[in-house]
Amino acid sequence: MKTIAKTFLLVAALSSAFTSCKKETTDTDNDTNTAQDNSLSESTYDDANDISDLAAKGSLLLKLEEGGNDLLSTCAMVTYDTVSSFKTTTINFGTTNCMCLDGKNRRGKIIVTHTGHYKDPGTVITISFDGYYVNDNHVEGSRTVTNNGLNADNNISFSVVVNGTITKADGTVITWTSTRTREWITGYETATKSDDQYRVTGTASGTRANGASFTAETVTPLIRKVECHQFVSGTVKIMVTGKRTRTIDFGNGDCDDTATVSIEGITATKTITLH
């Protein structure tokens, strides 16, 4: 009788453990916050790069082209220092929020130093920030872009290194570092910006406000259409400490602000909004 009782208790314990494990997988390991933070970091620093490219064209309005998808507005004042050995461009949005034409509020400065023209092999462009906010998220750190010249596919490629911190409007902090290769695949031959497309591969890592660390790795190349301000296709694998692997799928090429997140071992996917 004692043996039967012990067996029953063991089975009950194993059943409880299995249930707890199953619940952990399906109920508590299903957040997409890390995926969203990684995507926010990606888009924020890419966005600064796009703004810098437009400023380099010398347009006060910083428009992509007539009738194109405008990015900023006249509240962005651009100044150029062409005397120093390192040429400097400053994009100043002022000290109060400026509603830009892409629907985002910006304030503060983006400061760009460049050793040569964007298209010239060997040129190094460094982007930094001074009191810069996007939708009240405080952006700090730097983004360094090095022109590597033509690659095997006869496209210009760039090495892109980001070391950044974003303090979100709610006070939570993301630290984010990234090492990527950015390949200019479409639009190089034209004078307009809206037809530019880039193929991006590489890795990133960071920490979230709760102390959790994560790494990100490109699974299939990310495609960035400048006119869309977001990645439009490609997948990224997110490895989170103590959790299952997440995969972000940016879609099939459509210009939208959504992506889907799937979690290893869980059938259902979630849709997230890209900021």
C-alpha atoms as a PDB file:
ATOM      1  CA  MET A   1       0.000   0.000   0.000  1.00  0.00           C
ATOM      2  CA  LYS A   2       2.866   2.366   0.877  1.00  0.00           C
ATOM      3  CA  THR A   3       4.508   1.540  -2.473  1.00  0.00           C
ATOM      4  CA  ILE A   4       1.313   2.445  -4.341  1.00  0.00           C
ATOM      5  CA  ALA A   5       1.033   5.704  -2.434  1.00  0.00           C
ATOM      6  CA  LYS A   6       4.636   6.607  -3.159  1.00  0.00           C
ATOM      7  CA  THR A   7       4.125   5.828  -6.855  1.00  0.00           C
ATOM      8  CA  PHE A   8       1.028   8.026  -6.959  1.00  0.00           C
ATOM      9  CA  LEU A   9       2.875  10.898  -5.317  1.00  0.00           C
ATOM     10  CA  LEU A  10       5.782  10.563  -7.783  1.00  0.00           C
ATOM     11  CA  VAL A  11       3.438  10.598 -10.773  1.00  0.00           C
ATOM     12  CA  ALA A  12       1.621  13.622  -9.339  1.00  0.00           C
ATOM     13  CA  ALA A  13       4.911  15.440  -8.829  1.00  0.00           C
ATOM     14  CA  LEU A  14       6.094  14.695 -12.363  1.00  0.00           C
ATOM     15  CA  SER A  15       2.734  15.762 -13.749  1.00  0.00           C
ATOM     16  CA  SER A  16       2.921  19.012 -11.795  1.00  0.00           C
ATOM     17  CA  ALA A  17       6.468  19.657 -13.014  1.00  0.00           C
ATOM     18  CA  PHE A  18       5.446  19.008 -16.611  1.00  0.00           C
ATOM     19  CA  THR A  19       2.451  21.302 -16.259  1.00  0.00           C
ATOM     20  CA  SER A  20       4.626  24.044 -14.762  1.00  0.00           C
ATOM     21  CA  CYS A  21       7.169  23.672 -17.543  1.00  0.00           C
ATOM     22  CA  LYS A  22       4.448  23.759 -20.174  1.00  0.00           C
ATOM     23  CA  LYS A  23       2.889  26.845 -18.604  1.00  0.00           C
ATOM     24  CA  GLU A  24       6.270  28.592 -18.554  1.00  0.00           C
ATOM     25  CA  THR A  25       6.646  27.969 -22.292  1.00  0.00           C
ATOM     26  CA  THR A  26       3.174  28.988 -23.379  1.00  0.00           C
ATOM     27  CA  ASP A  27       2.164  31.582 -20.799  1.00  0.00           C
ATOM     28  CA  THR A  28       5.190  33.457 -19.490  1.00  0.00           C
ATOM     29  CA  ASP A  29       7.707  33.057 -22.304  1.00  0.00           C
ATOM     30  CA  ASN A  30       5.639  34.878 -24.874  1.00  0.00           C
ATOM     31  CA  ASP A  31       6.567  38.562 -24.589  1.00  0.00           C
ATOM     32  CA  THR A  32       7.827  40.465 -27.610  1.00  0.00           C
ATOM     33  CA  ASN A  33       9.366  43.410 -25.734  1.00  0.00           C
ATOM     34  CA  THR A  34      12.956  42.447 -26.548  1.00  0.00           C
ATOM     35  CA  ALA A  35      12.139  42.104 -30.238  1.00  0.00           C
ATOM     36  CA  GLN A  36      10.469  45.503 -30.167  1.00  0.00           C
ATOM     37  CA  ASP A  37      13.409  47.123 -28.356  1.00  0.00           C
ATOM     38  CA  ASN A  38      15.861  45.697 -30.884  1.00  0.00           C
ATOM     39  CA  SER A  39      13.724  46.947 -33.776  1.00  0.00           C
ATOM     40  CA  LEU A  40      13.363  50.375 -32.156  1.00  0.00           C
ATOM     41  CA  SER A  41      17.145  50.608 -31.835  1.00  0.00           C
ATOM     42  CA  GLU A  42      17.687  49.504 -35.433  1.00  0.00           C
ATOM     43  CA  SER A  43      15.211  51.988 -36.871  1.00  0.00           C
ATOM     44  CA  THR A  44      16.315  54.902 -34.652  1.00  0.00           C
ATOM     45  CA  TYR A  45      19.956  54.781 -35.716  1.00  0.00           C
ATOM     46  CA  ASP A  46      19.116  53.972 -39.343  1.00  0.00           C
ATOM     47  CA  ASP A  47      16.757  56.934 -39.313  1.00  0.00           C
ATOM     48  CA  ALA A  48      19.594  59.209 -38.159  1.00  0.00           C
ATOM     49  CA  ASN A  49      21.676  57.895 -41.048  1.00  0.00           C
ATOM     50  CA  ASP A  50      18.918  58.715 -43.562  1.00  0.00           C
ATOM     51  CA  ILE A  51      18.589  62.227 -42.147  1.00  0.00           C
ATOM     52  CA  SER A  52      22.352  62.703 -42.432  1.00  0.00           C
ATOM     53  CA  ASP A  53      22.309  61.546 -46.063  1.00  0.00           C
ATOM     54  CA  LEU A  54      19.571  64.012 -46.895  1.00  0.00           C
ATOM     55  CA  ALA A  55      21.333  66.863 -45.132  1.00  0.00           C
ATOM     56  CA  ALA A  56      24.438  66.149 -47.176  1.00  0.00           C
ATOM     57  CA  LYS A  57      22.413  66.917 -50.318  1.00  0.00           C
ATOM     58  CA  GLY A  58      22.146  70.505 -49.105  1.00  0.00           C
ATOM     59  CA  SER A  59      18.363  70.839 -49.012  1.00  0.00           C
ATOM     60  CA  LEU A  60      17.031  72.933 -46.139  1.00  0.00           C
ATOM     61  CA  LEU A  61      13.712  71.116 -46.357  1.00  0.00           C
ATOM     62  CA  LEU A  62      15.517  67.773 -46.495  1.00  0.00           C
ATOM     63  CA  LYS A  63      13.036  66.307 -48.939  1.00  0.00           C
ATOM     64  CA  LEU A  64      13.662  63.038 -50.727  1.00  0.00           C
ATOM     65  CA  GLU A  65      12.439  64.466 -54.001  1.00  0.00           C
ATOM     66  CA  GLU A  66       9.568  66.488 -55.403  1.00  0.00           C
ATOM     67  CA  GLY A  67       6.392  64.513 -54.745  1.00  0.00           C
ATOM     68  CA  GLY A  68       8.337  61.891 -52.817  1.00  0.00           C
ATOM     69  CA  ASN A  69       8.028  60.660 -49.264  1.00  0.00           C
ATOM     70  CA  ASP A  70       9.189  63.675 -47.247  1.00  0.00           C
ATOM     71  CA  LEU A  71      11.098  62.984 -44.065  1.00  0.00           C
ATOM     72  CA  LEU A  72      11.473  66.228 -42.176  1.00  0.00           C
ATOM     73  CA  SER A  73      10.234  69.819 -42.190  1.00  0.00           C
ATOM     74  CA  THR A  74      11.465  73.405 -42.227  1.00  0.00           C
ATOM     75  CA  CYS A  75      12.046  73.367 -38.468  1.00  0.00           C
ATOM     76  CA  ALA A  76      15.226  71.350 -39.131  1.00  0.00           C
ATOM     77  CA  MET A  77      18.036  73.858 -39.630  1.00  0.00           C
ATOM     78  CA  VAL A  78      21.176  72.568 -41.341  1.00  0.00           C
ATOM     79  CA  THR A  79      24.605  74.161 -41.025  1.00  0.00           C
ATOM     80  CA  TYR A  80      27.898  73.134 -42.617  1.00  0.00           C
ATOM     81  CA  ASP A  81      31.470  73.534 -41.422  1.00  0.00           C
ATOM     82  CA  THR A  82      33.636  73.117 -44.500  1.00  0.00           C
ATOM     83  CA  VAL A  83      36.791  74.624 -42.987  1.00  0.00           C
ATOM     84  CA  SER A  84      37.845  71.930 -40.501  1.00  0.00           C
ATOM     85  CA  SER A  85      39.815  68.914 -41.707  1.00  0.00           C
ATOM     86  CA  PHE A  86      36.836  66.794 -40.691  1.00  0.00           C
ATOM     87  CA  LYS A  87      33.811  68.347 -42.380  1.00  0.00           C
ATOM     88  CA  THR A  88      30.843  68.717 -40.044  1.00  0.00           C
ATOM     89  CA  THR A  89      27.117  68.932 -40.732  1.00  0.00           C
ATOM     90  CA  THR A  90      24.754  69.853 -37.895  1.00  0.00           C
ATOM     91  CA  ILE A  91      21.013  69.182 -38.146  1.00  0.00           C
ATOM     92  CA  ASN A  92      19.294  71.191 -35.427  1.00  0.00           C
ATOM     93  CA  PHE A  93      15.633  70.517 -34.621  1.00  0.00           C
ATOM     94  CA  GLY A  94      15.510  73.103 -31.842  1.00  0.00           C
ATOM     95  CA  THR A  95      14.842  72.721 -28.135  1.00  0.00           C
ATOM     96  CA  THR A  96      11.134  71.907 -28.362  1.00  0.00           C
ATOM     97  CA  ASN A  97       9.477  69.056 -30.202  1.00  0.00           C
ATOM     98  CA  CYS A  98       9.286  69.534 -33.956  1.00  0.00           C
ATOM     99  CA  MET A  99       6.619  67.483 -35.752  1.00  0.00           C
ATOM    100  CA  CYS A 100       8.369  66.221 -38.857  1.00  0.00           C
ATOM    101  CA  LEU A 101       6.727  65.146 -42.065  1.00  0.00           C
ATOM    102  CA  ASP A 102       7.126  61.453 -41.257  1.00  0.00           C
ATOM    103  CA  GLY A 103       4.886  61.891 -38.203  1.00  0.00           C
ATOM    104  CA  LYS A 104       7.703  61.786 -35.625  1.00  0.00           C
ATOM    105  CA  ASN A 105       8.538  64.488 -33.100  1.00  0.00           C
ATOM    106  CA  ARG A 106      12.216  65.406 -32.911  1.00  0.00           C
ATOM    107  CA  ARG A 107      14.292  67.881 -30.913  1.00  0.00           C
ATOM    108  CA  GLY A 108      18.000  68.400 -30.337  1.00  0.00           C
ATOM    109  CA  LYS A 109      20.881  67.934 -32.761  1.00  0.00           C
ATOM    110  CA  ILE A 110      22.345  65.293 -35.024  1.00  0.00           C
ATOM    111  CA  ILE A 111      26.036  66.014 -35.650  1.00  0.00           C
ATOM    112  CA  VAL A 112      27.755  64.409 -38.637  1.00  0.00           C
ATOM    113  CA  THR A 113      31.477  64.421 -39.343  1.00  0.00           C
ATOM    114  CA  HIS A 114      32.764  63.060 -42.642  1.00  0.00           C
ATOM    115  CA  THR A 115      36.198  62.644 -44.158  1.00  0.00           C
ATOM    116  CA  GLY A 116      34.928  62.681 -47.741  1.00  0.00           C
ATOM    117  CA  HIS A 117      31.901  62.145 -49.949  1.00  0.00           C
ATOM    118  CA  TYR A 118      29.464  59.378 -49.042  1.00  0.00           C
ATOM    119  CA  LYS A 119      30.092  57.515 -52.308  1.00  0.00           C
ATOM    120  CA  ASP A 120      33.909  57.686 -52.117  1.00  0.00           C
ATOM    121  CA  PRO A 121      35.766  54.522 -51.004  1.00  0.00           C
ATOM    122  CA  GLY A 122      37.487  55.029 -47.664  1.00  0.00           C
ATOM    123  CA  THR A 123      35.164  57.797 -46.463  1.00  0.00           C
ATOM    124  CA  VAL A 124      34.314  57.567 -42.759  1.00  0.00           C
ATOM    125  CA  ILE A 125      31.122  59.204 -41.501  1.00  0.00           C
ATOM    126  CA  THR A 126      30.446  59.488 -37.762  1.00  0.00           C
ATOM    127  CA  ILE A 127      27.031  60.427 -36.442  1.00  0.00           C
ATOM    128  CA  SER A 128      26.636  61.648 -32.857  1.00  0.00           C
ATOM    129  CA  PHE A 129      23.896  63.401 -30.902  1.00  0.00           C
ATOM    130  CA  ASP A 130      23.421  66.432 -28.674  1.00  0.00           C
ATOM    131  CA  GLY A 131      20.221  66.447 -26.621  1.00  0.00           C
ATOM    132  CA  TYR A 132      18.514  64.479 -29.401  1.00  0.00           C
ATOM    133  CA  TYR A 133      15.025  63.018 -28.886  1.00  0.00           C
ATOM    134  CA  VAL A 134      12.673  61.113 -31.170  1.00  0.00           C
ATOM    135  CA  ASN A 135       9.096  60.880 -29.877  1.00  0.00           C
ATOM    136  CA  ASP A 136      10.541  61.802 -26.455  1.00  0.00           C
ATOM    137  CA  ASN A 137      12.997  58.867 -26.558  1.00  0.00           C
ATOM    138  CA  HIS A 138      16.474  60.217 -25.689  1.00  0.00           C
ATOM    139  CA  VAL A 139      19.027  58.971 -28.231  1.00  0.00           C
ATOM    140  CA  GLU A 140      22.743  58.881 -27.335  1.00  0.00           C
ATOM    141  CA  GLY A 141      25.888  57.247 -28.648  1.00  0.00           C
ATOM    142  CA  SER A 142      27.405  57.095 -32.106  1.00  0.00           C
ATOM    143  CA  ARG A 143      27.063  55.460 -35.496  1.00  0.00           C
ATOM    144  CA  THR A 144      30.194  55.095 -37.642  1.00  0.00           C
ATOM    145  CA  VAL A 145      29.889  54.285 -41.341  1.00  0.00           C
ATOM    146  CA  THR A 146      32.922  53.323 -43.442  1.00  0.00           C
ATOM    147  CA  ASN A 147      32.708  53.112 -47.238  1.00  0.00           C
ATOM    148  CA  ASN A 148      34.413  49.859 -48.259  1.00  0.00           C
ATOM    149  CA  GLY A 149      34.116  50.483 -52.005  1.00  0.00           C
ATOM    150  CA  LEU A 150      32.683  47.967 -54.453  1.00  0.00           C
ATOM    151  CA  ASN A 151      32.033  44.393 -53.345  1.00  0.00           C
ATOM    152  CA  ALA A 152      31.971  41.210 -55.436  1.00  0.00           C
ATOM    153  CA  ASP A 153      28.482  42.094 -56.731  1.00  0.00           C
ATOM    154  CA  ASN A 154      29.730  45.509 -57.891  1.00  0.00           C
ATOM    155  CA  ASN A 155      27.687  47.283 -55.226  1.00  0.00           C
ATOM    156  CA  ILE A 156      29.062  49.794 -52.730  1.00  0.00           C
ATOM    157  CA  SER A 157      29.196  48.302 -49.255  1.00  0.00           C
ATOM    158  CA  PHE A 158      29.585  50.010 -45.907  1.00  0.00           C
ATOM    159  CA  SER A 159      30.710  48.799 -42.495  1.00  0.00           C
ATOM    160  CA  VAL A 160      28.334  50.195 -39.870  1.00  0.00           C
ATOM    161  CA  VAL A 161      29.140  50.184 -36.148  1.00  0.00           C
ATOM    162  CA  VAL A 162      26.680  51.517 -33.571  1.00  0.00           C
ATOM    163  CA  ASN A 163      27.271  52.024 -29.861  1.00  0.00           C
ATOM    164  CA  GLY A 164      24.122  53.526 -28.460  1.00  0.00           C
ATOM    165  CA  THR A 165      21.767  54.095 -25.563  1.00  0.00           C
ATOM    166  CA  ILE A 166      18.088  54.940 -25.843  1.00  0.00           C
ATOM    167  CA  THR A 167      16.215  56.161 -22.781  1.00  0.00           C
ATOM    168  CA  LYS A 168      12.593  55.645 -23.686  1.00  0.00           C
ATOM    169  CA  ALA A 169       9.881  58.136 -22.820  1.00  0.00           C
ATOM    170  CA  ASP A 170       8.728  55.851 -19.992  1.00  0.00           C
ATOM    171  CA  GLY A 171      12.202  55.980 -18.389  1.00  0.00           C
ATOM    172  CA  THR A 172      13.340  52.478 -19.355  1.00  0.00           C
ATOM    173  CA  VAL A 173      16.791  52.201 -20.933  1.00  0.00           C
ATOM    174  CA  ILE A 174      18.043  50.158 -23.872  1.00  0.00           C
ATOM    175  CA  THR A 175      21.759  49.748 -24.532  1.00  0.00           C
ATOM    176  CA  TRP A 176      22.511  48.574 -28.042  1.00  0.00           C
ATOM    177  CA  THR A 177      25.629  47.788 -30.050  1.00  0.00           C
ATOM    178  CA  SER A 178      25.687  46.610 -33.621  1.00  0.00           C
ATOM    179  CA  THR A 179      28.165  45.604 -36.305  1.00  0.00           C
ATOM    180  CA  ARG A 180      26.619  45.397 -39.739  1.00  0.00           C
ATOM    181  CA  THR A 181      27.387  45.389 -43.443  1.00  0.00           C
ATOM    182  CA  ARG A 182      25.147  47.713 -45.460  1.00  0.00           C
ATOM    183  CA  GLU A 183      25.108  47.095 -49.219  1.00  0.00           C
ATOM    184  CA  TRP A 184      23.662  49.711 -51.577  1.00  0.00           C
ATOM    185  CA  ILE A 185      21.673  47.573 -54.010  1.00  0.00           C
ATOM    186  CA  THR A 186      19.310  50.019 -55.759  1.00  0.00           C
ATOM    187  CA  GLY A 187      19.303  53.727 -56.583  1.00  0.00           C
ATOM    188  CA  TYR A 188      23.039  54.382 -56.749  1.00  0.00           C
ATOM    189  CA  GLU A 189      22.886  55.695 -60.314  1.00  0.00           C
ATOM    190  CA  THR A 190      20.036  58.158 -59.736  1.00  0.00           C
ATOM    191  CA  ALA A 191      20.023  61.627 -58.219  1.00  0.00           C
ATOM    192  CA  THR A 192      16.928  60.937 -56.108  1.00  0.00           C
ATOM    193  CA  LYS A 193      16.851  59.316 -52.688  1.00  0.00           C
ATOM    194  CA  SER A 194      13.464  57.633 -52.637  1.00  0.00           C
ATOM    195  CA  ASP A 195      14.539  54.740 -54.877  1.00  0.00           C
ATOM    196  CA  ASP A 196      17.530  53.805 -52.691  1.00  0.00           C
ATOM    197  CA  GLN A 197      17.533  50.334 -51.181  1.00  0.00           C
ATOM    198  CA  TYR A 198      20.062  48.638 -48.916  1.00  0.00           C
ATOM    199  CA  ARG A 199      20.738  45.027 -47.970  1.00  0.00           C
ATOM    200  CA  VAL A 200      21.828  44.676 -44.336  1.00  0.00           C
ATOM    201  CA  THR A 201      23.464  41.742 -42.536  1.00  0.00           C
ATOM    202  CA  GLY A 202      25.313  41.347 -39.248  1.00  0.00           C
ATOM    203  CA  THR A 203      24.868  41.093 -35.498  1.00  0.00           C
ATOM    204  CA  ALA A 204      23.759  43.199 -32.542  1.00  0.00           C
ATOM    205  CA  SER A 205      23.562  42.895 -28.772  1.00  0.00           C
ATOM    206  CA  GLY A 206      22.049  44.852 -25.945  1.00  0.00           C
ATOM    207  CA  THR A 207      20.421  45.014 -22.539  1.00  0.00           C
ATOM    208  CA  ARG A 208      16.948  45.996 -21.435  1.00  0.00           C
ATOM    209  CA  ALA A 209      15.760  47.903 -18.371  1.00  0.00           C
ATOM    210  CA  ASN A 210      15.095  44.685 -16.450  1.00  0.00           C
ATOM    211  CA  GLY A 211      18.756  43.705 -16.817  1.00  0.00           C
ATOM    212  CA  ALA A 212      18.107  40.985 -19.379  1.00  0.00           C
ATOM    213  CA  SER A 213      20.708  40.783 -22.132  1.00  0.00           C
ATOM    214  CA  PHE A 214      20.081  39.741 -25.708  1.00  0.00           C
ATOM    215  CA  THR A 215      21.863  39.180 -28.996  1.00  0.00           C
ATOM    216  CA  ALA A 216      20.495  39.522 -32.511  1.00  0.00           C
ATOM    217  CA  GLU A 217      21.697  37.874 -35.685  1.00  0.00           C
ATOM    218  CA  THR A 218      20.531  38.306 -39.278  1.00  0.00           C
ATOM    219  CA  VAL A 219      19.074  35.057 -40.634  1.00  0.00           C
ATOM    220  CA  THR A 220      18.053  36.323 -44.066  1.00  0.00           C
ATOM    221  CA  PRO A 221      19.293  39.727 -45.292  1.00  0.00           C
ATOM    222  CA  LEU A 222      17.251  42.744 -44.227  1.00  0.00           C
ATOM    223  CA  ILE A 223      16.043  45.013 -47.005  1.00  0.00           C
ATOM    224  CA  ARG A 224      15.706  48.707 -46.194  1.00  0.00           C
ATOM    225  CA  LYS A 225      13.796  50.958 -48.590  1.00  0.00           C
ATOM    226  CA  VAL A 226      14.684  54.538 -47.725  1.00  0.00           C
ATOM    227  CA  GLU A 227      11.224  55.767 -48.692  1.00  0.00           C
ATOM    228  CA  CYS A 228       9.642  53.409 -46.143  1.00  0.00           C
ATOM    229  CA  HIS A 229      11.830  54.314 -43.125  1.00  0.00           C
ATOM    230  CA  GLN A 230      11.694  50.648 -41.987  1.00  0.00           C
ATOM    231  CA  PHE A 231      12.982  47.247 -43.019  1.00  0.00           C
ATOM    232  CA  VAL A 232      10.487  45.744 -45.458  1.00  0.00           C
ATOM    233  CA  SER A 233      11.735  42.150 -45.549  1.00  0.00           C
ATOM    234  CA  GLY A 234      14.271  39.788 -43.982  1.00  0.00           C
ATOM    235  CA  THR A 235      14.471  37.949 -40.680  1.00  0.00           C
ATOM    236  CA  VAL A 236      16.416  38.428 -37.442  1.00  0.00           C
ATOM    237  CA  LYS A 237      16.947  35.852 -34.702  1.00  0.00           C
ATOM    238  CA  ILE A 238      16.852  37.226 -31.141  1.00  0.00           C
ATOM    239  CA  MET A 239      18.478  35.216 -28.346  1.00  0.00           C
ATOM    240  CA  VAL A 240      17.306  36.333 -24.902  1.00  0.00           C
ATOM    241  CA  THR A 241      18.962  35.236 -21.656  1.00  0.00           C
ATOM    242  CA  GLY A 242      16.805  32.586 -19.999  1.00  0.00           C
ATOM    243  CA  LYS A 243      14.191  32.535 -22.750  1.00  0.00           C
ATOM    244  CA  ARG A 244      13.487  30.830 -26.022  1.00  0.00           C
ATOM    245  CA  THR A 245      14.712  32.215 -29.326  1.00  0.00           C
ATOM    246  CA  ARG A 246      12.556  34.842 -31.015  1.00  0.00           C
ATOM    247  CA  THR A 247      12.500  35.456 -34.775  1.00  0.00           C
ATOM    248  CA  ILE A 248      11.395  38.774 -36.282  1.00  0.00           C
ATOM    249  CA  ASP A 249      10.034  38.625 -39.837  1.00  0.00           C
ATOM    250  CA  PHE A 250       9.840  42.036 -41.494  1.00  0.00           C
ATOM    251  CA  GLY A 251       7.531  40.912 -44.283  1.00  0.00           C
ATOM    252  CA  ASN A 252       7.480  40.442 -48.040  1.00  0.00           C
ATOM    253  CA  GLY A 253       8.651  43.862 -49.217  1.00  0.00           C
ATOM    254  CA  ASP A 254       5.571  45.963 -48.555  1.00  0.00           C
ATOM    255  CA  CYS A 255       6.094  49.421 -47.097  1.00  0.00           C
ATOM    256  CA  ASP A 256       4.383  49.196 -43.711  1.00  0.00           C
ATOM    257  CA  ASP A 257       5.138  49.605 -40.006  1.00  0.00           C
ATOM    258  CA  THR A 258       4.572  46.030 -38.858  1.00  0.00           C
ATOM    259  CA  ALA A 259       6.549  42.837 -38.378  1.00  0.00           C
ATOM    260  CA  THR A 260       5.713  39.426 -36.950  1.00  0.00           C
ATOM    261  CA  VAL A 261       7.481  37.718 -34.049  1.00  0.00           C
ATOM    262  CA  SER A 262       7.559  33.971 -33.564  1.00  0.00           C
ATOM    263  CA  ILE A 263       8.878  32.199 -30.457  1.00  0.00           C
ATOM    264  CA  GLU A 264      10.599  28.836 -30.601  1.00  0.00           C
ATOM    265  CA  GLY A 265       8.189  26.082 -29.576  1.00  0.00           C
ATOM    266  CA  ILE A 266       5.069  28.277 -29.764  1.00  0.00           C
ATOM    267  CA  THR A 267       2.879  28.010 -32.855  1.00  0.00           C
ATOM    268  CA  ALA A 268       1.140  31.376 -32.681  1.00  0.00           C
ATOM    269  CA  THR A 269       2.914  34.518 -33.903  1.00  0.00           C
ATOM    270  CA  LYS A 270       2.490  38.106 -32.747  1.00  0.00           C
ATOM    271  CA  THR A 271       2.390  41.272 -34.812  1.00  0.00           C
ATOM    272  CA  ILE A 272       4.401  44.227 -33.542  1.00  0.00           C
ATOM    273  CA  THR A 273       4.428  47.869 -34.605  1.00  0.00           C
ATOM    274  CA  LEU A 274       7.753  49.279 -35.765  1.00  0.00           C
ATOM    275  CA  HIS A 275       8.580  52.775 -34.484  1.00  0.00           C
END
